[in-house]
PDB file of N, CA and C in Angstrom:
ATOM      1  N   MET A   1      75.076 112.076 114.827  1.00  0.00           N
ATOM      2  CA  MET A   1      74.382 110.923 115.374  1.00  0.00           C
ATOM      3  C   MET A   1      74.988 109.660 114.775  1.00  0.00           C
ATOM      4  N   PRO A   2      75.421 108.703 115.605  1.00  0.00           N
ATOM      5  CA  PRO A   2      75.990 107.467 115.083  1.00  0.00           C
ATOM      6  C   PRO A   2      74.986 106.714 114.215  1.00  0.00           C
ATOM      7  N   ILE A   3      75.510 105.986 113.244  1.00  0.00           N
ATOM      8  CA  ILE A   3      74.651 105.276 112.303  1.00  0.00           C
ATOM      9  C   ILE A   3      74.777 103.762 112.456  1.00  0.00           C
ATOM     10  N   ASP A   4      73.818 103.071 111.916  1.00  0.00           N
ATOM     11  CA  ASP A   4      73.819 101.611 111.872  1.00  0.00           C
ATOM     12  C   ASP A   4      74.504 101.202 110.574  1.00  0.00           C
ATOM     13  N   ALA A   5      75.698 100.624 110.680  1.00  0.00           N
ATOM     14  CA  ALA A   5      76.501 100.286 109.497  1.00  0.00           C
ATOM     15  C   ALA A   5      75.934  99.119 108.700  1.00  0.00           C
ATOM     16  N   THR A   6      74.848  98.502 109.181  1.00  0.00           N
ATOM     17  CA  THR A   6      74.248  97.408 108.429  1.00  0.00           C
ATOM     18  C   THR A   6      73.084  97.882 107.553  1.00  0.00           C
ATOM     19  N   ARG A   7      72.729  99.179 107.686  1.00  0.00           N
ATOM     20  CA  ARG A   7      71.637  99.719 106.875  1.00  0.00           C
ATOM     21  C   ARG A   7      72.061  99.850 105.421  1.00  0.00           C
ATOM     22  N   PRO A   8      71.094  99.902 104.508  1.00  0.00           N
ATOM     23  CA  PRO A   8      71.431 100.122 103.101  1.00  0.00           C
ATOM     24  C   PRO A   8      72.085 101.494 102.908  1.00  0.00           C
ATOM     25  N   TYR A   9      72.815 101.621 101.833  1.00  0.00           N
ATOM     26  CA  TYR A   9      73.501 102.867 101.515  1.00  0.00           C
ATOM     27  C   TYR A   9      72.491 103.989 101.303  1.00  0.00           C
ATOM     28  N   ASP A  10      72.764 105.144 101.880  1.00  0.00           N
ATOM     29  CA  ASP A  10      71.920 106.328 101.747  1.00  0.00           C
ATOM     30  C   ASP A  10      72.634 107.313 100.833  1.00  0.00           C
ATOM     31  N   ASP A  11      72.150 107.464  99.606  1.00  0.00           N
ATOM     32  CA  ASP A  11      72.861 108.309  98.636  1.00  0.00           C
ATOM     33  C   ASP A  11      72.661 109.803  98.863  1.00  0.00           C
ATOM     34  N   SER A  12      72.013 110.177  99.972  1.00  0.00           N
ATOM     35  CA  SER A  12      71.915 111.594 100.309  1.00  0.00           C
ATOM     36  C   SER A  12      72.961 111.997 101.347  1.00  0.00           C
ATOM     37  N   ASN A  13      73.854 111.076 101.733  1.00  0.00           N
ATOM     38  CA  ASN A  13      74.874 111.413 102.726  1.00  0.00           C
ATOM     39  C   ASN A  13      75.862 112.430 102.159  1.00  0.00           C
ATOM     40  N   ILE A  14      76.560 113.127 103.042  1.00  0.00           N
ATOM     41  CA  ILE A  14      77.420 114.237 102.634  1.00  0.00           C
ATOM     42  C   ILE A  14      78.520 113.806 101.668  1.00  0.00           C
ATOM     43  N   PHE A  15      79.081 112.606 101.844  1.00  0.00           N
ATOM     44  CA  PHE A  15      80.156 112.177 100.946  1.00  0.00           C
ATOM     45  C   PHE A  15      79.620 111.827  99.566  1.00  0.00           C
ATOM     46  N   ALA A  16      78.434 111.260  99.497  1.00  0.00           N
ATOM     47  CA  ALA A  16      77.809 111.003  98.194  1.00  0.00           C
ATOM     48  C   ALA A  16      77.564 112.322  97.471  1.00  0.00           C
ATOM     49  N   ARG A  17      77.158 113.338  98.221  1.00  0.00           N
ATOM     50  CA  ARG A  17      76.915 114.657  97.625  1.00  0.00           C
ATOM     51  C   ARG A  17      78.219 115.297  97.150  1.00  0.00           C
ATOM     52  N   ILE A  18      79.301 115.109  97.892  1.00  0.00           N
ATOM     53  CA  ILE A  18      80.610 115.600  97.446  1.00  0.00           C
ATOM     54  C   ILE A  18      81.015 114.878  96.167  1.00  0.00           C
ATOM     55  N   LEU A  19      80.850 113.558  96.132  1.00  0.00           N
ATOM     56  CA  LEU A  19      81.216 112.780  94.935  1.00  0.00           C
ATOM     57  C   LEU A  19      80.431 113.228  93.703  1.00  0.00           C
ATOM     58  N   ARG A  20      79.179 113.635  93.898  1.00  0.00           N
ATOM     59  CA  ARG A  20      78.364 114.100  92.763  1.00  0.00           C
ATOM     60  C   ARG A  20      78.650 115.556  92.400  1.00  0.00           C
ATOM     61  N   GLY A  21      79.507 116.225  93.150  1.00  0.00           N
ATOM     62  CA  GLY A  21      79.831 117.617  92.870  1.00  0.00           C
ATOM     63  C   GLY A  21      78.817 118.604  93.404  1.00  0.00           C
ATOM     64  N   GLU A  22      77.907 118.159  94.261  1.00  0.00           N
ATOM     65  CA  GLU A  22      76.899 119.039  94.843  1.00  0.00           C
ATOM     66  C   GLU A  22      77.451 119.877  95.981  1.00  0.00           C
ATOM     67  N   LEU A  23      78.513 119.396  96.613  1.00  0.00           N
ATOM     68  CA  LEU A  23      79.174 120.111  97.704  1.00  0.00           C
ATOM     69  C   LEU A  23      80.665 120.191  97.385  1.00  0.00           C
ATOM     70  N   PRO A  24      81.307 121.289  97.770  1.00  0.00           N
ATOM     71  CA  PRO A  24      82.739 121.426  97.484  1.00  0.00           C
ATOM     72  C   PRO A  24      83.598 120.653  98.485  1.00  0.00           C
ATOM     73  N   CYS A  25      84.840 120.423  98.103  1.00  0.00           N
ATOM     74  CA  CYS A  25      85.822 119.861  99.012  1.00  0.00           C
ATOM     75  C   CYS A  25      87.194 120.380  98.603  1.00  0.00           C
ATOM     76  N   LYS A  26      88.130 120.345  99.549  1.00  0.00           N
ATOM     77  CA  LYS A  26      89.511 120.724  99.269  1.00  0.00           C
ATOM     78  C   LYS A  26      90.262 119.433  98.953  1.00  0.00           C
ATOM     79  N   LYS A  27      90.271 119.084  97.663  1.00  0.00           N
ATOM     80  CA  LYS A  27      90.775 117.806  97.181  1.00  0.00           C
ATOM     81  C   LYS A  27      92.274 117.664  97.376  1.00  0.00           C
ATOM     82  N   VAL A  28      92.671 116.455  97.797  1.00  0.00           N
ATOM     83  CA  VAL A  28      94.075 116.094  97.969  1.00  0.00           C
ATOM     84  C   VAL A  28      94.481 115.090  96.895  1.00  0.00           C
ATOM     85  N   PHE A  29      93.563 114.181  96.551  1.00  0.00           N
ATOM     86  CA  PHE A  29      93.865 113.084  95.629  1.00  0.00           C
ATOM     87  C   PHE A  29      92.560 112.598  95.008  1.00  0.00           C
ATOM     88  N   GLU A  30      92.657 112.168  93.748  1.00  0.00           N
ATOM     89  CA  GLU A  30      91.507 111.541  93.099  1.00  0.00           C
ATOM     90  C   GLU A  30      91.997 110.626  91.991  1.00  0.00           C
ATOM     91  N   ASP A  31      91.366 109.460  91.885  1.00  0.00           N
ATOM     92  CA  ASP A  31      91.569 108.570  90.744  1.00  0.00           C
ATOM     93  C   ASP A  31      90.212 107.943  90.418  1.00  0.00           C
ATOM     94  N   ASP A  32      90.202 106.882  89.657  1.00  0.00           N
ATOM     95  CA  ASP A  32      88.941 106.264  89.239  1.00  0.00           C
ATOM     96  C   ASP A  32      88.128 105.688  90.403  1.00  0.00           C
ATOM     97  N   HIS A  33      88.806 105.320  91.492  1.00  0.00           N
ATOM     98  CA  HIS A  33      88.137 104.623  92.595  1.00  0.00           C
ATOM     99  C   HIS A  33      88.075 105.390  93.902  1.00  0.00           C
ATOM    100  N   VAL A  34      88.872 106.451  94.042  1.00  0.00           N
ATOM    101  CA  VAL A  34      89.084 107.077  95.344  1.00  0.00           C
ATOM    102  C   VAL A  34      89.040 108.598  95.236  1.00  0.00           C
ATOM    103  N   LEU A  35      88.506 109.229  96.278  1.00  0.00           N
ATOM    104  CA  LEU A  35      88.594 110.674  96.441  1.00  0.00           C
ATOM    105  C   LEU A  35      89.099 110.934  97.861  1.00  0.00           C
ATOM    106  N   ALA A  36      90.066 111.856  97.989  1.00  0.00           N
ATOM    107  CA  ALA A  36      90.579 112.243  99.301  1.00  0.00           C
ATOM    108  C   ALA A  36      90.562 113.757  99.396  1.00  0.00           C
ATOM    109  N   PHE A  37      90.209 114.257 100.579  1.00  0.00           N
ATOM    110  CA  PHE A  37      90.089 115.698 100.774  1.00  0.00           C
ATOM    111  C   PHE A  37      90.289 116.039 102.242  1.00  0.00           C
ATOM    112  N   HIS A  38      90.595 117.312 102.490  1.00  0.00           N
ATOM    113  CA  HIS A  38      90.796 117.786 103.858  1.00  0.00           C
ATOM    114  C   HIS A  38      89.461 117.819 104.596  1.00  0.00           C
ATOM    115  N   ASP A  39      89.491 117.397 105.867  1.00  0.00           N
ATOM    116  CA  ASP A  39      88.310 117.457 106.722  1.00  0.00           C
ATOM    117  C   ASP A  39      87.986 118.923 107.010  1.00  0.00           C
ATOM    118  N   ILE A  40      86.704 119.281 106.966  1.00  0.00           N
ATOM    119  CA  ILE A  40      86.330 120.683 107.202  1.00  0.00           C
ATOM    120  C   ILE A  40      86.412 121.067 108.682  1.00  0.00           C
ATOM    121  N   ASN A  41      86.516 120.083 109.563  1.00  0.00           N
ATOM    122  CA  ASN A  41      86.645 120.324 110.996  1.00  0.00           C
ATOM    123  C   ASN A  41      87.809 119.475 111.517  1.00  0.00           C
ATOM    124  N   PRO A  42      89.055 119.850 111.166  1.00  0.00           N
ATOM    125  CA  PRO A  42      90.198 118.979 111.460  1.00  0.00           C
ATOM    126  C   PRO A  42      90.420 118.739 112.953  1.00  0.00           C
ATOM    127  N   ALA A  43      90.769 117.487 113.268  1.00  0.00           N
ATOM    128  CA  ALA A  43      91.064 117.087 114.637  1.00  0.00           C
ATOM    129  C   ALA A  43      92.567 116.938 114.863  1.00  0.00           C
ATOM    130  N   ALA A  44      93.385 117.290 113.854  1.00  0.00           N
ATOM    131  CA  ALA A  44      94.845 117.234 113.924  1.00  0.00           C
ATOM    132  C   ALA A  44      95.372 118.227 112.899  1.00  0.00           C
ATOM    133  N   PRO A  45      96.650 118.598 112.990  1.00  0.00           N
ATOM    134  CA  PRO A  45      97.192 119.533 111.998  1.00  0.00           C
ATOM    135  C   PRO A  45      96.969 119.064 110.552  1.00  0.00           C
ATOM    136  N   THR A  46      97.137 117.772 110.315  1.00  0.00           N
ATOM    137  CA  THR A  46      96.769 117.174 109.033  1.00  0.00           C
ATOM    138  C   THR A  46      95.619 116.213 109.301  1.00  0.00           C
ATOM    139  N   HIS A  47      94.499 116.420 108.630  1.00  0.00           N
ATOM    140  CA  HIS A  47      93.331 115.554 108.793  1.00  0.00           C
ATOM    141  C   HIS A  47      92.673 115.421 107.429  1.00  0.00           C
ATOM    142  N   ILE A  48      92.899 114.269 106.815  1.00  0.00           N
ATOM    143  CA  ILE A  48      92.416 114.006 105.461  1.00  0.00           C
ATOM    144  C   ILE A  48      91.436 112.841 105.511  1.00  0.00           C
ATOM    145  N   LEU A  49      90.355 112.959 104.765  1.00  0.00           N
ATOM    146  CA  LEU A  49      89.379 111.885 104.624  1.00  0.00           C
ATOM    147  C   LEU A  49      89.600 111.213 103.281  1.00  0.00           C
ATOM    148  N   VAL A  50      89.613 109.888 103.283  1.00  0.00           N
ATOM    149  CA  VAL A  50      89.781 109.108 102.060  1.00  0.00           C
ATOM    150  C   VAL A  50      88.527 108.260 101.912  1.00  0.00           C
ATOM    151  N   ILE A  51      87.854 108.391 100.757  1.00  0.00           N
ATOM    152  CA  ILE A  51      86.611 107.652 100.540  1.00  0.00           C
ATOM    153  C   ILE A  51      86.658 106.912  99.210  1.00  0.00           C
ATOM    154  N   PRO A  52      86.061 105.729  99.169  1.00  0.00           N
ATOM    155  CA  PRO A  52      85.904 105.069  97.878  1.00  0.00           C
ATOM    156  C   PRO A  52      84.783 105.771  97.103  1.00  0.00           C
ATOM    157  N   LYS A  53      84.850 105.732  95.797  1.00  0.00           N
ATOM    158  CA  LYS A  53      83.796 106.346  94.992  1.00  0.00           C
ATOM    159  C   LYS A  53      82.551 105.465  94.916  1.00  0.00           C
ATOM    160  N   GLY A  54      82.690 104.198  95.254  1.00  0.00           N
ATOM    161  CA  GLY A  54      81.549 103.296  95.263  1.00  0.00           C
ATOM    162  C   GLY A  54      80.681 103.513  96.493  1.00  0.00           C
ATOM    163  N   ALA A  55      79.462 103.013  96.429  1.00  0.00           N
ATOM    164  CA  ALA A  55      78.468 103.191  97.490  1.00  0.00           C
ATOM    165  C   ALA A  55      78.616 102.102  98.552  1.00  0.00           C
ATOM    166  N   TYR A  56      79.516 102.344  99.511  1.00  0.00           N
ATOM    167  CA  TYR A  56      79.762 101.399 100.599  1.00  0.00           C
ATOM    168  C   TYR A  56      79.518 102.098 101.930  1.00  0.00           C
ATOM    169  N   VAL A  57      78.761 101.456 102.805  1.00  0.00           N
ATOM    170  CA  VAL A  57      78.414 102.046 104.092  1.00  0.00           C
ATOM    171  C   VAL A  57      79.589 101.997 105.072  1.00  0.00           C
ATOM    172  N   SER A  58      80.333 100.890 105.077  1.00  0.00           N
ATOM    173  CA  SER A  58      81.332 100.676 106.120  1.00  0.00           C
ATOM    174  C   SER A  58      82.479  99.820 105.587  1.00  0.00           C
ATOM    175  N   TRP A  59      83.482  99.637 106.450  1.00  0.00           N
ATOM    176  CA  TRP A  59      84.613  98.772 106.092  1.00  0.00           C
ATOM    177  C   TRP A  59      84.110  97.355 105.830  1.00  0.00           C
ATOM    178  N   ASP A  60      83.187  96.884 106.646  1.00  0.00           N
ATOM    179  CA  ASP A  60      82.628  95.546 106.464  1.00  0.00           C
ATOM    180  C   ASP A  60      81.944  95.422 105.106  1.00  0.00           C
ATOM    181  N   ASP A  61      81.136  96.400 104.758  1.00  0.00           N
ATOM    182  CA  ASP A  61      80.438  96.420 103.472  1.00  0.00           C
ATOM    183  C   ASP A  61      81.444  96.446 102.320  1.00  0.00           C
ATOM    184  N   PHE A  62      82.424  97.321 102.412  1.00  0.00           N
ATOM    185  CA  PHE A  62      83.444  97.480 101.365  1.00  0.00           C
ATOM    186  C   PHE A  62      84.254  96.197 101.180  1.00  0.00           C
ATOM    187  N   SER A  63      84.748  95.636 102.279  1.00  0.00           N
ATOM    188  CA  SER A  63      85.590  94.444 102.174  1.00  0.00           C
ATOM    189  C   SER A  63      84.802  93.231 101.686  1.00  0.00           C
ATOM    190  N   GLY A  64      83.496  93.235 101.909  1.00  0.00           N
ATOM    191  CA  GLY A  64      82.665  92.111 101.472  1.00  0.00           C
ATOM    192  C   GLY A  64      82.153  92.225 100.046  1.00  0.00           C
ATOM    193  N   ARG A  65      82.007  93.449  99.528  1.00  0.00           N
ATOM    194  CA  ARG A  65      81.376  93.615  98.216  1.00  0.00           C
ATOM    195  C   ARG A  65      82.247  94.235  97.127  1.00  0.00           C
ATOM    196  N   ALA A  66      83.251  94.988  97.491  1.00  0.00           N
ATOM    197  CA  ALA A  66      84.031  95.708  96.480  1.00  0.00           C
ATOM    198  C   ALA A  66      84.908  94.749  95.684  1.00  0.00           C
ATOM    199  N   PRO A  67      85.071  95.025  94.392  1.00  0.00           N
ATOM    200  CA  PRO A  67      86.001  94.217  93.589  1.00  0.00           C
ATOM    201  C   PRO A  67      87.436  94.406  94.097  1.00  0.00           C
ATOM    202  N   ASP A  68      88.262  93.396  93.864  1.00  0.00           N
ATOM    203  CA  ASP A  68      89.647  93.441  94.328  1.00  0.00           C
ATOM    204  C   ASP A  68      90.381  94.691  93.846  1.00  0.00           C
ATOM    205  N   ALA A  69      90.152  95.097  92.609  1.00  0.00           N
ATOM    206  CA  ALA A  69      90.843  96.274  92.061  1.00  0.00           C
ATOM    207  C   ALA A  69      90.479  97.534  92.837  1.00  0.00           C
ATOM    208  N   GLU A  70      89.242  97.640  93.264  1.00  0.00           N
ATOM    209  CA  GLU A  70      88.798  98.809  94.014  1.00  0.00           C
ATOM    210  C   GLU A  70      89.397  98.812  95.427  1.00  0.00           C
ATOM    211  N   ILE A  71      89.456  97.647  96.046  1.00  0.00           N
ATOM    212  CA  ILE A  71      90.064  97.538  97.374  1.00  0.00           C
ATOM    213  C   ILE A  71      91.546  97.898  97.295  1.00  0.00           C
ATOM    214  N   ALA A  72      92.239  97.350  96.314  1.00  0.00           N
ATOM    215  CA  ALA A  72      93.671  97.645  96.156  1.00  0.00           C
ATOM    216  C   ALA A  72      93.891  99.132  95.912  1.00  0.00           C
ATOM    217  N   ALA A  73      93.073  99.742  95.081  1.00  0.00           N
ATOM    218  CA  ALA A  73      93.221 101.171  94.786  1.00  0.00           C
ATOM    219  C   ALA A  73      93.020 102.011  96.043  1.00  0.00           C
ATOM    220  N   PHE A  74      92.058 101.623  96.869  1.00  0.00           N
ATOM    221  CA  PHE A  74      91.770 102.360  98.093  1.00  0.00           C
ATOM    222  C   PHE A  74      92.946 102.265  99.068  1.00  0.00           C
ATOM    223  N   VAL A  75      93.427 101.063  99.305  1.00  0.00           N
ATOM    224  CA  VAL A  75      94.544 100.861 100.239  1.00  0.00           C
ATOM    225  C   VAL A  75      95.791 101.582  99.732  1.00  0.00           C
ATOM    226  N   ARG A  76      96.058 101.467  98.448  1.00  0.00           N
ATOM    227  CA  ARG A  76      97.237 102.146  97.882  1.00  0.00           C
ATOM    228  C   ARG A  76      97.098 103.663  97.977  1.00  0.00           C
ATOM    229  N   ALA A  77      95.905 104.176  97.776  1.00  0.00           N
ATOM    230  CA  ALA A  77      95.694 105.627  97.863  1.00  0.00           C
ATOM    231  C   ALA A  77      95.987 106.138  99.271  1.00  0.00           C
ATOM    232  N   VAL A  78      95.561 105.404 100.286  1.00  0.00           N
ATOM    233  CA  VAL A  78      95.819 105.829 101.671  1.00  0.00           C
ATOM    234  C   VAL A  78      97.331 105.932 101.898  1.00  0.00           C
ATOM    235  N   GLY A  79      98.084 104.924 101.479  1.00  0.00           N
ATOM    236  CA  GLY A  79      99.538 104.956 101.637  1.00  0.00           C
ATOM    237  C   GLY A  79     100.180 106.077 100.835  1.00  0.00           C
ATOM    238  N   ARG A  80      99.735 106.262  99.610  1.00  0.00           N
ATOM    239  CA  ARG A  80     100.290 107.315  98.757  1.00  0.00           C
ATOM    240  C   ARG A  80     100.073 108.702  99.369  1.00  0.00           C
ATOM    241  N   ILE A  81      98.867 108.935  99.857  1.00  0.00           N
ATOM    242  CA  ILE A  81      98.538 110.233 100.454  1.00  0.00           C
ATOM    243  C   ILE A  81      99.420 110.485 101.675  1.00  0.00           C
ATOM    244  N   ALA A  82      99.579 109.476 102.536  1.00  0.00           N
ATOM    245  CA  ALA A  82     100.435 109.635 103.720  1.00  0.00           C
ATOM    246  C   ALA A  82     101.865 109.978 103.300  1.00  0.00           C
ATOM    247  N   ARG A  83     102.377 109.316 102.280  1.00  0.00           N
ATOM    248  CA  ARG A  83     103.735 109.620 101.791  1.00  0.00           C
ATOM    249  C   ARG A  83     103.811 111.032 101.241  1.00  0.00           C
ATOM    250  N   GLU A  84     102.852 111.388 100.373  1.00  0.00           N
ATOM    251  CA  GLU A  84     102.886 112.707  99.732  1.00  0.00           C
ATOM    252  C   GLU A  84     102.707 113.841 100.740  1.00  0.00           C
ATOM    253  N   GLU A  85     102.024 113.592 101.838  1.00  0.00           N
ATOM    254  CA  GLU A  85     101.828 114.604 102.876  1.00  0.00           C
ATOM    255  C   GLU A  85     102.994 114.652 103.867  1.00  0.00           C
ATOM    256  N   GLY A  86     103.995 113.778 103.676  1.00  0.00           N
ATOM    257  CA  GLY A  86     105.165 113.766 104.553  1.00  0.00           C
ATOM    258  C   GLY A  86     104.891 113.214 105.936  1.00  0.00           C
ATOM    259  N   LEU A  87     103.955 112.287 106.037  1.00  0.00           N
ATOM    260  CA  LEU A  87     103.537 111.777 107.339  1.00  0.00           C
ATOM    261  C   LEU A  87     104.219 110.477 107.753  1.00  0.00           C
ATOM    262  N   VAL A  88     104.892 109.797 106.832  1.00  0.00           N
ATOM    263  CA  VAL A  88     105.417 108.465 107.135  1.00  0.00           C
ATOM    264  C   VAL A  88     106.509 108.512 108.201  1.00  0.00           C
ATOM    265  N   ALA A  89     107.527 109.331 108.009  1.00  0.00           N
ATOM    266  CA  ALA A  89     108.653 109.348 108.959  1.00  0.00           C
ATOM    267  C   ALA A  89     108.228 109.794 110.362  1.00  0.00           C
ATOM    268  N   PRO A  90     107.483 110.883 110.504  1.00  0.00           N
ATOM    269  CA  PRO A  90     107.101 111.279 111.863  1.00  0.00           C
ATOM    270  C   PRO A  90     105.987 110.417 112.453  1.00  0.00           C
ATOM    271  N   GLY A  91     105.206 109.786 111.604  1.00  0.00           N
ATOM    272  CA  GLY A  91     104.123 108.921 112.060  1.00  0.00           C
ATOM    273  C   GLY A  91     102.746 109.539 111.832  1.00  0.00           C
ATOM    274  N   TYR A  92     101.760 108.677 111.676  1.00  0.00           N
ATOM    275  CA  TYR A  92     100.392 109.116 111.443  1.00  0.00           C
ATOM    276  C   TYR A  92      99.433 108.056 111.956  1.00  0.00           C
ATOM    277  N   ARG A  93      98.168 108.389 111.992  1.00  0.00           N
ATOM    278  CA  ARG A  93      97.134 107.480 112.469  1.00  0.00           C
ATOM    279  C   ARG A  93      96.064 107.337 111.402  1.00  0.00           C
ATOM    280  N   LEU A  94      95.569 106.112 111.232  1.00  0.00           N
ATOM    281  CA  LEU A  94      94.414 105.836 110.374  1.00  0.00           C
ATOM    282  C   LEU A  94      93.255 105.450 111.273  1.00  0.00           C
ATOM    283  N   LEU A  95      92.060 105.929 110.919  1.00  0.00           N
ATOM    284  CA  LEU A  95      90.876 105.604 111.704  1.00  0.00           C
ATOM    285  C   LEU A  95      89.701 105.407 110.759  1.00  0.00           C
ATOM    286  N   ALA A  96      89.021 104.288 110.915  1.00  0.00           N
ATOM    287  CA  ALA A  96      87.781 104.035 110.170  1.00  0.00           C
ATOM    288  C   ALA A  96      86.742 103.545 111.183  1.00  0.00           C
ATOM    289  N   ASN A  97      85.774 104.380 111.497  1.00  0.00           N
ATOM    290  CA  ASN A  97      84.703 104.004 112.420  1.00  0.00           C
ATOM    291  C   ASN A  97      83.653 103.197 111.665  1.00  0.00           C
ATOM    292  N   THR A  98      83.174 102.125 112.297  1.00  0.00           N
ATOM    293  CA  THR A  98      82.131 101.305 111.694  1.00  0.00           C
ATOM    294  C   THR A  98      81.013 101.104 112.701  1.00  0.00           C
ATOM    295  N   GLY A  99      79.855 101.679 112.412  1.00  0.00           N
ATOM    296  CA  GLY A  99      78.678 101.471 113.235  1.00  0.00           C
ATOM    297  C   GLY A  99      78.564 102.400 114.426  1.00  0.00           C
ATOM    298  N   GLY A 100      77.451 102.290 115.099  1.00  0.00           N
ATOM    299  CA  GLY A 100      77.095 103.176 116.194  1.00  0.00           C
ATOM    300  C   GLY A 100      78.039 103.142 117.377  1.00  0.00           C
ATOM    301  N   ASN A 101      78.476 101.958 117.813  1.00  0.00           N
ATOM    302  CA  ASN A 101      79.366 101.886 118.972  1.00  0.00           C
ATOM    303  C   ASN A 101      80.707 102.554 118.700  1.00  0.00           C
ATOM    304  N   ALA A 102      81.117 102.609 117.442  1.00  0.00           N
ATOM    305  CA  ALA A 102      82.391 103.241 117.084  1.00  0.00           C
ATOM    306  C   ALA A 102      82.214 104.726 116.795  1.00  0.00           C
ATOM    307  N   GLY A 103      80.985 105.192 116.713  1.00  0.00           N
ATOM    308  CA  GLY A 103      80.736 106.608 116.462  1.00  0.00           C
ATOM    309  C   GLY A 103      80.721 106.991 114.992  1.00  0.00           C
ATOM    310  N   GLN A 104      80.479 106.038 114.101  1.00  0.00           N
ATOM    311  CA  GLN A 104      80.400 106.385 112.674  1.00  0.00           C
ATOM    312  C   GLN A 104      79.238 107.351 112.470  1.00  0.00           C
ATOM    313  N   GLU A 105      79.531 108.497 111.860  1.00  0.00           N
ATOM    314  CA  GLU A 105      78.513 109.530 111.678  1.00  0.00           C
ATOM    315  C   GLU A 105      78.016 109.643 110.247  1.00  0.00           C
ATOM    316  N   VAL A 106      78.851 109.311 109.269  1.00  0.00           N
ATOM    317  CA  VAL A 106      78.450 109.404 107.860  1.00  0.00           C
ATOM    318  C   VAL A 106      78.377 107.982 107.306  1.00  0.00           C
ATOM    319  N   PRO A 107      77.236 107.591 106.739  1.00  0.00           N
ATOM    320  CA  PRO A 107      77.067 106.225 106.256  1.00  0.00           C
ATOM    321  C   PRO A 107      77.709 105.983 104.888  1.00  0.00           C
ATOM    322  N   HIS A 108      78.972 106.361 104.782  1.00  0.00           N
ATOM    323  CA  HIS A 108      79.801 106.088 103.593  1.00  0.00           C
ATOM    324  C   HIS A 108      81.180 105.773 104.150  1.00  0.00           C
ATOM    325  N   LEU A 109      81.748 104.622 103.761  1.00  0.00           N
ATOM    326  CA  LEU A 109      83.067 104.273 104.257  1.00  0.00           C
ATOM    327  C   LEU A 109      84.027 105.435 104.070  1.00  0.00           C
ATOM    328  N   HIS A 110      84.773 105.740 105.110  1.00  0.00           N
ATOM    329  CA  HIS A 110      85.822 106.748 105.020  1.00  0.00           C
ATOM    330  C   HIS A 110      86.905 106.428 106.030  1.00  0.00           C
ATOM    331  N   VAL A 111      88.136 106.709 105.623  1.00  0.00           N
ATOM    332  CA  VAL A 111      89.288 106.553 106.497  1.00  0.00           C
ATOM    333  C   VAL A 111      89.824 107.944 106.782  1.00  0.00           C
ATOM    334  N   HIS A 112      90.041 108.222 108.050  1.00  0.00           N
ATOM    335  CA  HIS A 112      90.673 109.469 108.465  1.00  0.00           C
ATOM    336  C   HIS A 112      92.180 109.231 108.504  1.00  0.00           C
ATOM    337  N   ILE A 113      92.950 110.139 107.934  1.00  0.00           N
ATOM    338  CA  ILE A 113      94.401 110.145 108.104  1.00  0.00           C
ATOM    339  C   ILE A 113      94.713 111.351 108.987  1.00  0.00           C
ATOM    340  N   PHE A 114      95.281 111.085 110.162  1.00  0.00           N
ATOM    341  CA  PHE A 114      95.655 112.130 111.107  1.00  0.00           C
ATOM    342  C   PHE A 114      97.174 112.198 111.190  1.00  0.00           C
ATOM    343  N   GLY A 115      97.727 113.387 111.239  1.00  0.00           N
ATOM    344  CA  GLY A 115      99.166 113.533 111.406  1.00  0.00           C
ATOM    345  C   GLY A 115      99.536 114.981 111.582  1.00  0.00           C
ATOM    346  N   GLY A 116     100.823 115.252 111.394  1.00  0.00           N
ATOM    347  CA  GLY A 116     101.312 116.614 111.470  1.00  0.00           C
ATOM    348  C   GLY A 116     101.725 117.058 112.858  1.00  0.00           C
ATOM    349  N   GLY A 117     101.727 116.152 113.822  1.00  0.00           N
ATOM    350  CA  GLY A 117     102.133 116.470 115.190  1.00  0.00           C
ATOM    351  C   GLY A 117     101.780 115.321 116.105  1.00  0.00           C
ATOM    352  N   PRO A 118     102.190 115.386 117.370  1.00  0.00           N
ATOM    353  CA  PRO A 118     101.835 114.333 118.328  1.00  0.00           C
ATOM    354  C   PRO A 118     100.317 114.207 118.447  1.00  0.00           C
ATOM    355  N   LEU A 119      99.837 112.992 118.426  1.00  0.00           N
ATOM    356  CA  LEU A 119      98.393 112.755 118.440  1.00  0.00           C
ATOM    357  C   LEU A 119      97.854 112.318 119.791  1.00  0.00           C
ATOM    358  N   GLY A 120      98.729 111.963 120.694  1.00  0.00           N
ATOM    359  CA  GLY A 120      98.258 111.527 122.008  1.00  0.00           C
ATOM    360  C   GLY A 120      97.715 110.116 121.975  1.00  0.00           C
ATOM    361  N   PRO A 121      97.096 109.689 123.086  1.00  0.00           N
ATOM    362  CA  PRO A 121      96.581 108.311 123.138  1.00  0.00           C
ATOM    363  C   PRO A 121      95.427 108.117 122.154  1.00  0.00           C
ATOM    364  N   MET A 122      95.288 106.882 121.704  1.00  0.00           N
ATOM    365  CA  MET A 122      94.258 106.579 120.721  1.00  0.00           C
ATOM    366  C   MET A 122      92.850 106.743 121.308  1.00  0.00           C
ATOM    367  N   LEU A 123      92.639 106.274 122.517  1.00  0.00           N
ATOM    368  CA  LEU A 123      91.337 106.405 123.172  1.00  0.00           C
ATOM    369  C   LEU A 123      91.496 107.173 124.468  1.00  0.00           C
ATOM    370  N   SER A 124      90.534 108.029 124.789  1.00  0.00           N
ATOM    371  CA  SER A 124      90.597 108.713 126.083  1.00  0.00           C
ATOM    372  C   SER A 124      90.305 107.692 127.183  1.00  0.00           C
ATOM    373  N   ARG A 125      90.933 107.878 128.270  1.00  0.00           N
ATOM    374  CA  ARG A 125      90.754 106.930 129.387  1.00  0.00           C
ATOM    375  C   ARG A 125      89.874 107.529 130.443  1.00  0.00           C
TER     376      ARG A 125
END
């Protein structure tokens, strides 16, 4: 069910539970600010979720409230993961849904990294 990205952070969301170690994940990368892991229902041969460790609902929330160091760490982590997964030369897609119209389902900022093969058009027509 799509969420309202302007609502307060809900610390019972699945990514908050993963960050607390209550749920497992297949980790790809972790540092002080970021956790990245394979999506449990991949939509591409490579499908990795990258999340900040801070409690941010959406890209708007993150860009407005996160300290500069946390924003830089997040952006750098996305690039590093794409390089380490061998996605740069063949190409990859980044996707961050914000709010109900975009189909955001988990009220914790996350970026999807898709790659590993042709991805087709960005939006269905």
